[in-house]
């Protein structure tokens, strides 16, 4: 038995009370869609989400400072400057 199994072995199982059952029922009703969604619609949603046009990038503070200053010197935003450099 691994460590997680040992810890869960000591946890008491409790039946949900009326409030729990009502909350579960409300959540189920709120998420119940009769029409559903087709696989094509799901693929379109995934593709749209997959290519949002946004990325998150971590970089050293000094590089961030230098890029920001260079963009400022060029009279453009940091975003425009980075796009320009990436497109080269």
PDB file of N, CA and C in Angstrom:
ATOM      1  N   UNK A   1       0.857  -1.172   0.000  1.00  0.00           N
ATOM      2  CA  UNK A   1       0.000   0.000   0.000  1.00  0.00           C
ATOM      3  C   UNK A   1       0.905   1.238   0.000  1.00  0.00           C
ATOM      4  N   UNK A   2       0.682   2.136  -0.981  1.00  0.00           N
ATOM      5  CA  UNK A   2       1.516   3.338  -1.044  1.00  0.00           C
ATOM      6  C   UNK A   2       1.016   4.387  -0.056  1.00  0.00           C
ATOM      7  N   UNK A   3       1.727   5.491   0.031  1.00  0.00           N
ATOM      8  CA  UNK A   3       1.436   6.526   1.025  1.00  0.00           C
ATOM      9  C   UNK A   3       0.028   7.107   0.856  1.00  0.00           C
ATOM     10  N   UNK A   4      -0.380   7.371  -0.369  1.00  0.00           N
ATOM     11  CA  UNK A   4      -1.703   7.947  -0.606  1.00  0.00           C
ATOM     12  C   UNK A   4      -2.788   6.966  -0.187  1.00  0.00           C
ATOM     13  N   UNK A   5      -2.619   5.708  -0.543  1.00  0.00           N
ATOM     14  CA  UNK A   5      -3.607   4.696  -0.150  1.00  0.00           C
ATOM     15  C   UNK A   5      -3.703   4.586   1.366  1.00  0.00           C
ATOM     16  N   UNK A   6      -2.574   4.689   2.049  1.00  0.00           N
ATOM     17  CA  UNK A   6      -2.577   4.638   3.509  1.00  0.00           C
ATOM     18  C   UNK A   6      -3.376   5.798   4.090  1.00  0.00           C
ATOM     19  N   UNK A   7      -3.167   6.994   3.534  1.00  0.00           N
ATOM     20  CA  UNK A   7      -3.872   8.167   4.048  1.00  0.00           C
ATOM     21  C   UNK A   7      -5.375   8.064   3.807  1.00  0.00           C
ATOM     22  N   UNK A   8      -5.770   7.599   2.616  1.00  0.00           N
ATOM     23  CA  UNK A   8      -7.189   7.498   2.311  1.00  0.00           C
ATOM     24  C   UNK A   8      -7.859   6.344   3.040  1.00  0.00           C
ATOM     25  N   UNK A   9      -7.092   5.371   3.461  1.00  0.00           N
ATOM     26  CA  UNK A   9      -7.661   4.241   4.197  1.00  0.00           C
ATOM     27  C   UNK A   9      -8.260   4.698   5.527  1.00  0.00           C
ATOM     28  N   UNK A  10      -7.755   5.789   6.077  1.00  0.00           N
ATOM     29  CA  UNK A  10      -8.231   6.295   7.368  1.00  0.00           C
ATOM     30  C   UNK A  10      -9.338   7.331   7.251  1.00  0.00           C
ATOM     31  N   UNK A  11      -9.727   7.685   6.030  1.00  0.00           N
ATOM     32  CA  UNK A  11     -10.771   8.684   5.833  1.00  0.00           C
ATOM     33  C   UNK A  11     -12.135   8.005   5.897  1.00  0.00           C
ATOM     34  N   UNK A  12     -13.004   8.565   6.711  1.00  0.00           N
ATOM     35  CA  UNK A  12     -14.347   8.003   6.853  1.00  0.00           C
ATOM     36  C   UNK A  12     -15.177   8.304   5.614  1.00  0.00           C
ATOM     37  N   UNK A  13     -15.984   7.338   5.201  1.00  0.00           N
ATOM     38  CA  UNK A  13     -16.913   7.577   4.103  1.00  0.00           C
ATOM     39  C   UNK A  13     -18.219   8.065   4.697  1.00  0.00           C
ATOM     40  N   UNK A  14     -18.756   9.122   4.111  1.00  0.00           N
ATOM     41  CA  UNK A  14     -19.980   9.726   4.631  1.00  0.00           C
ATOM     42  C   UNK A  14     -20.975   9.839   3.487  1.00  0.00           C
ATOM     43  N   UNK A  15     -22.187   9.473   3.745  1.00  0.00           N
ATOM     44  CA  UNK A  15     -23.253   9.615   2.753  1.00  0.00           C
ATOM     45  C   UNK A  15     -23.610  11.096   2.627  1.00  0.00           C
ATOM     46  N   UNK A  16     -23.942  11.564   1.414  1.00  0.00           N
ATOM     47  CA  UNK A  16     -24.335  12.972   1.272  1.00  0.00           C
ATOM     48  C   UNK A  16     -25.648  13.234   1.997  1.00  0.00           C
ATOM     49  N   UNK A  17     -25.759  14.421   2.595  1.00  0.00           N
ATOM     50  CA  UNK A  17     -27.008  14.781   3.262  1.00  0.00           C
ATOM     51  C   UNK A  17     -27.945  15.448   2.255  1.00  0.00           C
ATOM     52  N   UNK A  18     -29.090  15.875   2.715  1.00  0.00           N
ATOM     53  CA  UNK A  18     -30.104  16.461   1.836  1.00  0.00           C
ATOM     54  C   UNK A  18     -29.576  17.690   1.104  1.00  0.00           C
ATOM     55  N   UNK A  19     -28.857  18.543   1.807  1.00  0.00           N
ATOM     56  CA  UNK A  19     -28.301  19.755   1.182  1.00  0.00           C
ATOM     57  C   UNK A  19     -27.320  19.379   0.074  1.00  0.00           C
ATOM     58  N   UNK A  20     -26.492  18.363   0.317  1.00  0.00           N
ATOM     59  CA  UNK A  20     -25.549  17.909  -0.707  1.00  0.00           C
ATOM     60  C   UNK A  20     -26.296  17.399  -1.936  1.00  0.00           C
ATOM     61  N   UNK A  21     -27.321  16.589  -1.704  1.00  0.00           N
ATOM     62  CA  UNK A  21     -28.089  16.024  -2.811  1.00  0.00           C
ATOM     63  C   UNK A  21     -28.804  17.109  -3.610  1.00  0.00           C
ATOM     64  N   UNK A  22     -29.323  18.124  -2.916  1.00  0.00           N
ATOM     65  CA  UNK A  22     -29.976  19.231  -3.607  1.00  0.00           C
ATOM     66  C   UNK A  22     -28.973  20.024  -4.440  1.00  0.00           C
ATOM     67  N   UNK A  23     -27.788  20.245  -3.902  1.00  0.00           N
ATOM     68  CA  UNK A  23     -26.745  20.964  -4.644  1.00  0.00           C
ATOM     69  C   UNK A  23     -26.322  20.171  -5.880  1.00  0.00           C
ATOM     70  N   UNK A  24     -26.157  18.880  -5.728  1.00  0.00           N
ATOM     71  CA  UNK A  24     -25.785  18.027  -6.860  1.00  0.00           C
ATOM     72  C   UNK A  24     -26.875  18.084  -7.926  1.00  0.00           C
ATOM     73  N   UNK A  25     -28.127  18.053  -7.514  1.00  0.00           N
ATOM     74  CA  UNK A  25     -29.249  18.113  -8.443  1.00  0.00           C
ATOM     75  C   UNK A  25     -29.270  19.446  -9.186  1.00  0.00           C
ATOM     76  N   UNK A  26     -29.045  20.569  -8.459  1.00  0.00           N
ATOM     77  CA  UNK A  26     -29.012  21.893  -9.102  1.00  0.00           C
ATOM     78  C   UNK A  26     -27.896  21.972 -10.128  1.00  0.00           C
ATOM     79  N   UNK A  27     -26.735  21.466  -9.786  1.00  0.00           N
ATOM     80  CA  UNK A  27     -25.593  21.492 -10.707  1.00  0.00           C
ATOM     81  C   UNK A  27     -25.890  20.651 -11.938  1.00  0.00           C
ATOM     82  N   UNK A  28     -26.448  19.477 -11.730  1.00  0.00           N
ATOM     83  CA  UNK A  28     -26.775  18.593 -12.853  1.00  0.00           C
ATOM     84  C   UNK A  28     -27.784  19.256 -13.784  1.00  0.00           C
ATOM     85  N   UNK A  29     -28.812  19.899 -13.215  1.00  0.00           N
ATOM     86  CA  UNK A  29     -29.822  20.572 -14.042  1.00  0.00           C
ATOM     87  C   UNK A  29     -29.224  21.751 -14.793  1.00  0.00           C
ATOM     88  N   UNK A  30     -28.344  22.497 -14.148  1.00  0.00           N
ATOM     89  CA  UNK A  30     -27.722  23.657 -14.787  1.00  0.00           C
ATOM     90  C   UNK A  30     -26.820  23.248 -15.938  1.00  0.00           C
ATOM     91  N   UNK A  31     -26.283  22.036 -15.881  1.00  0.00           N
ATOM     92  CA  UNK A  31     -25.367  21.564 -16.919  1.00  0.00           C
ATOM     93  C   UNK A  31     -26.006  20.571 -17.879  1.00  0.00           C
ATOM     94  N   UNK A  32     -27.318  20.409 -17.799  1.00  0.00           N
ATOM     95  CA  UNK A  32     -28.016  19.452 -18.642  1.00  0.00           C
ATOM     96  C   UNK A  32     -28.468  20.142 -19.921  1.00  0.00           C
ATOM     97  N   UNK A  33     -27.896  19.754 -21.034  1.00  0.00           N
ATOM     98  CA  UNK A  33     -28.255  20.326 -22.322  1.00  0.00           C
ATOM     99  C   UNK A  33     -28.898  19.235 -23.166  1.00  0.00           C
ATOM    100  N   UNK A  34     -30.154  19.452 -23.525  1.00  0.00           N
ATOM    101  CA  UNK A  34     -30.879  18.458 -24.308  1.00  0.00           C
ATOM    102  C   UNK A  34     -30.300  18.306 -25.707  1.00  0.00           C
ATOM    103  N   UNK A  35     -29.847  19.407 -26.305  1.00  0.00           N
ATOM    104  CA  UNK A  35     -29.423  19.381 -27.687  1.00  0.00           C
ATOM    105  C   UNK A  35     -28.033  18.786 -27.866  1.00  0.00           C
ATOM    106  N   UNK A  36     -27.201  18.913 -26.882  1.00  0.00           N
ATOM    107  CA  UNK A  36     -25.842  18.396 -27.011  1.00  0.00           C
ATOM    108  C   UNK A  36     -25.037  19.209 -28.003  1.00  0.00           C
ATOM    109  N   UNK A  37     -23.902  18.667 -28.384  1.00  0.00           N
ATOM    110  CA  UNK A  37     -23.014  19.344 -29.323  1.00  0.00           C
ATOM    111  C   UNK A  37     -22.411  18.289 -30.236  1.00  0.00           C
ATOM    112  N   UNK A  38     -22.315  18.611 -31.508  1.00  0.00           N
ATOM    113  CA  UNK A  38     -21.782  17.641 -32.460  1.00  0.00           C
ATOM    114  C   UNK A  38     -20.260  17.595 -32.363  1.00  0.00           C
ATOM    115  N   UNK A  39     -19.692  16.530 -32.886  1.00  0.00           N
ATOM    116  CA  UNK A  39     -18.232  16.411 -32.890  1.00  0.00           C
ATOM    117  C   UNK A  39     -17.594  17.511 -33.730  1.00  0.00           C
ATOM    118  N   UNK A  40     -18.236  17.894 -34.837  1.00  0.00           N
ATOM    119  CA  UNK A  40     -17.706  18.982 -35.667  1.00  0.00           C
ATOM    120  C   UNK A  40     -17.687  20.299 -34.899  1.00  0.00           C
ATOM    121  N   UNK A  41     -18.770  20.565 -34.136  1.00  0.00           N
ATOM    122  CA  UNK A  41     -18.813  21.781 -33.330  1.00  0.00           C
ATOM    123  C   UNK A  41     -17.741  21.757 -32.248  1.00  0.00           C
ATOM    124  N   UNK A  42     -17.541  20.588 -31.637  1.00  0.00           N
ATOM    125  CA  UNK A  42     -16.521  20.450 -30.601  1.00  0.00           C
ATOM    126  C   UNK A  42     -15.127  20.683 -31.192  1.00  0.00           C
ATOM    127  N   UNK A  43     -14.869  20.139 -32.380  1.00  0.00           N
ATOM    128  CA  UNK A  43     -13.578  20.359 -33.042  1.00  0.00           C
ATOM    129  C   UNK A  43     -13.357  21.831 -33.345  1.00  0.00           C
ATOM    130  N   UNK A  44     -14.399  22.516 -33.793  1.00  0.00           N
ATOM    131  CA  UNK A  44     -14.283  23.946 -34.101  1.00  0.00           C
ATOM    132  C   UNK A  44     -13.975  24.742 -32.843  1.00  0.00           C
ATOM    133  N   UNK A  45     -14.622  24.389 -31.745  1.00  0.00           N
ATOM    134  CA  UNK A  45     -14.370  25.071 -30.472  1.00  0.00           C
ATOM    135  C   UNK A  45     -12.941  24.832 -30.025  1.00  0.00           C
ATOM    136  N   UNK A  46     -12.479  23.587 -30.119  1.00  0.00           N
ATOM    137  CA  UNK A  46     -11.097  23.270 -29.726  1.00  0.00           C
ATOM    138  C   UNK A  46     -10.094  24.041 -30.562  1.00  0.00           C
ATOM    139  N   UNK A  47     -10.327  24.081 -31.885  1.00  0.00           N
ATOM    140  CA  UNK A  47      -9.393  24.776 -32.764  1.00  0.00           C
ATOM    141  C   UNK A  47      -9.346  26.265 -32.454  1.00  0.00           C
ATOM    142  N   UNK A  48     -10.516  26.846 -32.199  1.00  0.00           N
ATOM    143  CA  UNK A  48     -10.569  28.267 -31.866  1.00  0.00           C
ATOM    144  C   UNK A  48      -9.823  28.540 -30.568  1.00  0.00           C
ATOM    145  N   UNK A  49     -10.016  27.676 -29.590  1.00  0.00           N
ATOM    146  CA  UNK A  49      -9.362  27.836 -28.300  1.00  0.00           C
ATOM    147  C   UNK A  49      -7.864  27.585 -28.423  1.00  0.00           C
ATOM    148  N   UNK A  50      -7.501  26.654 -29.304  1.00  0.00           N
ATOM    149  CA  UNK A  50      -6.105  26.268 -29.458  1.00  0.00           C
ATOM    150  C   UNK A  50      -5.248  27.396 -30.021  1.00  0.00           C
ATOM    151  N   UNK A  51      -5.826  28.211 -30.899  1.00  0.00           N
ATOM    152  CA  UNK A  51      -5.073  29.281 -31.542  1.00  0.00           C
ATOM    153  C   UNK A  51      -5.699  30.632 -31.226  1.00  0.00           C
ATOM    154  N   UNK A  52      -5.593  31.032 -29.985  1.00  0.00           N
ATOM    155  CA  UNK A  52      -6.230  32.271 -29.539  1.00  0.00           C
ATOM    156  C   UNK A  52      -5.465  33.512 -29.988  1.00  0.00           C
ATOM    157  N   UNK A  53      -4.220  33.329 -30.427  1.00  0.00           N
ATOM    158  CA  UNK A  53      -3.406  34.478 -30.781  1.00  0.00           C
ATOM    159  C   UNK A  53      -2.658  35.049 -29.592  1.00  0.00           C
ATOM    160  N   UNK A  54      -2.750  34.370 -28.463  1.00  0.00           N
ATOM    161  CA  UNK A  54      -2.069  34.836 -27.255  1.00  0.00           C
ATOM    162  C   UNK A  54      -1.083  33.777 -26.799  1.00  0.00           C
ATOM    163  N   UNK A  55       0.064  34.229 -26.332  1.00  0.00           N
ATOM    164  CA  UNK A  55       1.026  33.338 -25.692  1.00  0.00           C
ATOM    165  C   UNK A  55       1.526  34.014 -24.426  1.00  0.00           C
ATOM    166  N   UNK A  56       1.957  33.210 -23.506  1.00  0.00           N
ATOM    167  CA  UNK A  56       2.541  33.731 -22.283  1.00  0.00           C
ATOM    168  C   UNK A  56       4.013  33.342 -22.313  1.00  0.00           C
ATOM    169  N   UNK A  57       4.865  34.296 -22.068  1.00  0.00           N
ATOM    170  CA  UNK A  57       6.295  34.057 -22.195  1.00  0.00           C
ATOM    171  C   UNK A  57       7.021  34.613 -20.976  1.00  0.00           C
ATOM    172  N   UNK A  58       7.840  33.790 -20.369  1.00  0.00           N
ATOM    173  CA  UNK A  58       8.666  34.258 -19.246  1.00  0.00           C
ATOM    174  C   UNK A  58      10.067  34.543 -19.781  1.00  0.00           C
ATOM    175  N   UNK A  59      10.609  35.681 -19.385  1.00  0.00           N
ATOM    176  CA  UNK A  59      11.950  36.034 -19.817  1.00  0.00           C
ATOM    177  C   UNK A  59      12.643  36.802 -18.703  1.00  0.00           C
ATOM    178  N   UNK A  60      13.954  36.851 -18.761  1.00  0.00           N
ATOM    179  CA  UNK A  60      14.685  37.579 -17.721  1.00  0.00           C
ATOM    180  C   UNK A  60      14.262  39.052 -17.689  1.00  0.00           C
ATOM    181  N   UNK A  61      14.262  39.622 -16.488  1.00  0.00           N
ATOM    182  CA  UNK A  61      13.859  41.021 -16.325  1.00  0.00           C
ATOM    183  C   UNK A  61      14.719  41.963 -17.176  1.00  0.00           C
ATOM    184  N   UNK A  62      15.994  41.666 -17.261  1.00  0.00           N
ATOM    185  CA  UNK A  62      16.874  42.550 -18.036  1.00  0.00           C
ATOM    186  C   UNK A  62      16.506  42.534 -19.518  1.00  0.00           C
ATOM    187  N   UNK A  63      16.174  41.367 -20.046  1.00  0.00           N
ATOM    188  CA  UNK A  63      15.755  41.275 -21.448  1.00  0.00           C
ATOM    189  C   UNK A  63      14.436  42.005 -21.644  1.00  0.00           C
ATOM    190  N   UNK A  64      13.511  41.842 -20.712  1.00  0.00           N
ATOM    191  CA  UNK A  64      12.231  42.537 -20.774  1.00  0.00           C
ATOM    192  C   UNK A  64      12.461  44.048 -20.799  1.00  0.00           C
ATOM    193  N   UNK A  65      13.338  44.508 -19.912  1.00  0.00           N
ATOM    194  CA  UNK A  65      13.650  45.942 -19.851  1.00  0.00           C
ATOM    195  C   UNK A  65      14.249  46.421 -21.171  1.00  0.00           C
ATOM    196  N   UNK A  66      15.219  45.666 -21.698  1.00  0.00           N
ATOM    197  CA  UNK A  66      15.882  46.063 -22.943  1.00  0.00           C
ATOM    198  C   UNK A  66      14.914  46.090 -24.126  1.00  0.00           C
ATOM    199  N   UNK A  67      14.049  45.067 -24.221  1.00  0.00           N
ATOM    200  CA  UNK A  67      13.074  45.032 -25.307  1.00  0.00           C
ATOM    201  C   UNK A  67      12.087  46.189 -25.196  1.00  0.00           C
ATOM    202  N   UNK A  68      11.642  46.471 -23.985  1.00  0.00           N
ATOM    203  CA  UNK A  68      10.705  47.567 -23.757  1.00  0.00           C
ATOM    204  C   UNK A  68      11.338  48.903 -24.143  1.00  0.00           C
ATOM    205  N   UNK A  69      12.597  49.106 -23.753  1.00  0.00           N
ATOM    206  CA  UNK A  69      13.285  50.356 -24.075  1.00  0.00           C
ATOM    207  C   UNK A  69      13.492  50.505 -25.576  1.00  0.00           C
ATOM    208  N   UNK A  70      13.871  49.416 -26.238  1.00  0.00           N
ATOM    209  CA  UNK A  70      14.070  49.469 -27.690  1.00  0.00           C
ATOM    210  C   UNK A  70      12.765  49.788 -28.402  1.00  0.00           C
ATOM    211  N   UNK A  71      11.672  49.156 -27.972  1.00  0.00           N
ATOM    212  CA  UNK A  71      10.367  49.431 -28.569  1.00  0.00           C
ATOM    213  C   UNK A  71       9.983  50.887 -28.360  1.00  0.00           C
ATOM    214  N   UNK A  72      10.254  51.400 -27.162  1.00  0.00           N
ATOM    215  CA  UNK A  72       9.948  52.794 -26.856  1.00  0.00           C
ATOM    216  C   UNK A  72      10.764  53.727 -27.747  1.00  0.00           C
ATOM    217  N   UNK A  73      12.041  53.405 -27.919  1.00  0.00           N
ATOM    218  CA  UNK A  73      12.908  54.211 -28.789  1.00  0.00           C
ATOM    219  C   UNK A  73      12.406  54.216 -30.234  1.00  0.00           C
ATOM    220  N   UNK A  74      11.807  53.097 -30.655  1.00  0.00           N
ATOM    221  CA  UNK A  74      11.276  52.975 -32.019  1.00  0.00           C
ATOM    222  C   UNK A  74       9.889  53.610 -32.144  1.00  0.00           C
ATOM    223  N   UNK A  75       9.299  53.968 -30.997  1.00  0.00           N
ATOM    224  CA  UNK A  75       7.979  54.597 -31.005  1.00  0.00           C
ATOM    225  C   UNK A  75       6.836  53.616 -31.219  1.00  0.00           C
ATOM    226  N   UNK A  76       7.067  52.351 -30.852  1.00  0.00           N
ATOM    227  CA  UNK A  76       6.018  51.339 -31.002  1.00  0.00           C
ATOM    228  C   UNK A  76       5.846  50.589 -29.680  1.00  0.00           C
ATOM    229  N   UNK A  77       4.774  49.817 -29.603  1.00  0.00           N
ATOM    230  CA  UNK A  77       4.532  49.050 -28.385  1.00  0.00           C
ATOM    231  C   UNK A  77       5.471  47.845 -28.337  1.00  0.00           C
ATOM    232  N   UNK A  78       5.639  47.313 -27.155  1.00  0.00           N
ATOM    233  CA  UNK A  78       6.454  46.116 -26.986  1.00  0.00           C
ATOM    234  C   UNK A  78       5.875  44.970 -27.814  1.00  0.00           C
ATOM    235  N   UNK A  79       4.552  44.836 -27.819  1.00  0.00           N
ATOM    236  CA  UNK A  79       3.898  43.792 -28.603  1.00  0.00           C
ATOM    237  C   UNK A  79       4.236  43.941 -30.092  1.00  0.00           C
ATOM    238  N   UNK A  80       4.123  45.152 -30.617  1.00  0.00           N
ATOM    239  CA  UNK A  80       4.437  45.388 -32.031  1.00  0.00           C
ATOM    240  C   UNK A  80       5.902  45.080 -32.323  1.00  0.00           C
ATOM    241  N   UNK A  81       6.785  45.473 -31.429  1.00  0.00           N
ATOM    242  CA  UNK A  81       8.207  45.236 -31.612  1.00  0.00           C
ATOM    243  C   UNK A  81       8.529  43.737 -31.650  1.00  0.00           C
ATOM    244  N   UNK A  82       7.951  42.989 -30.716  1.00  0.00           N
ATOM    245  CA  UNK A  82       8.193  41.543 -30.677  1.00  0.00           C
ATOM    246  C   UNK A  82       7.622  40.874 -31.928  1.00  0.00           C
ATOM    247  N   UNK A  83       6.416  41.288 -32.359  1.00  0.00           N
ATOM    248  CA  UNK A  83       5.840  40.726 -33.584  1.00  0.00           C
ATOM    249  C   UNK A  83       6.744  41.002 -34.777  1.00  0.00           C
ATOM    250  N   UNK A  84       7.270  42.206 -34.849  1.00  0.00           N
ATOM    251  CA  UNK A  84       8.181  42.578 -35.926  1.00  0.00           C
ATOM    252  C   UNK A  84       9.401  41.660 -35.925  1.00  0.00           C
ATOM    253  N   UNK A  85      10.010  41.465 -34.756  1.00  0.00           N
ATOM    254  CA  UNK A  85      11.212  40.624 -34.661  1.00  0.00           C
ATOM    255  C   UNK A  85      10.892  39.163 -34.984  1.00  0.00           C
ATOM    256  N   UNK A  86       9.748  38.658 -34.525  1.00  0.00           N
ATOM    257  CA  UNK A  86       9.376  37.278 -34.807  1.00  0.00           C
ATOM    258  C   UNK A  86       9.096  37.051 -36.294  1.00  0.00           C
ATOM    259  N   UNK A  87       8.566  38.057 -36.964  1.00  0.00           N
ATOM    260  CA  UNK A  87       8.205  37.910 -38.378  1.00  0.00           C
ATOM    261  C   UNK A  87       9.408  37.955 -39.301  1.00  0.00           C
ATOM    262  N   UNK A  88      10.542  38.448 -38.814  1.00  0.00           N
ATOM    263  CA  UNK A  88      11.751  38.548 -39.644  1.00  0.00           C
ATOM    264  C   UNK A  88      12.292  37.185 -39.991  1.00  0.00           C
TER     265      UNK A  88
END
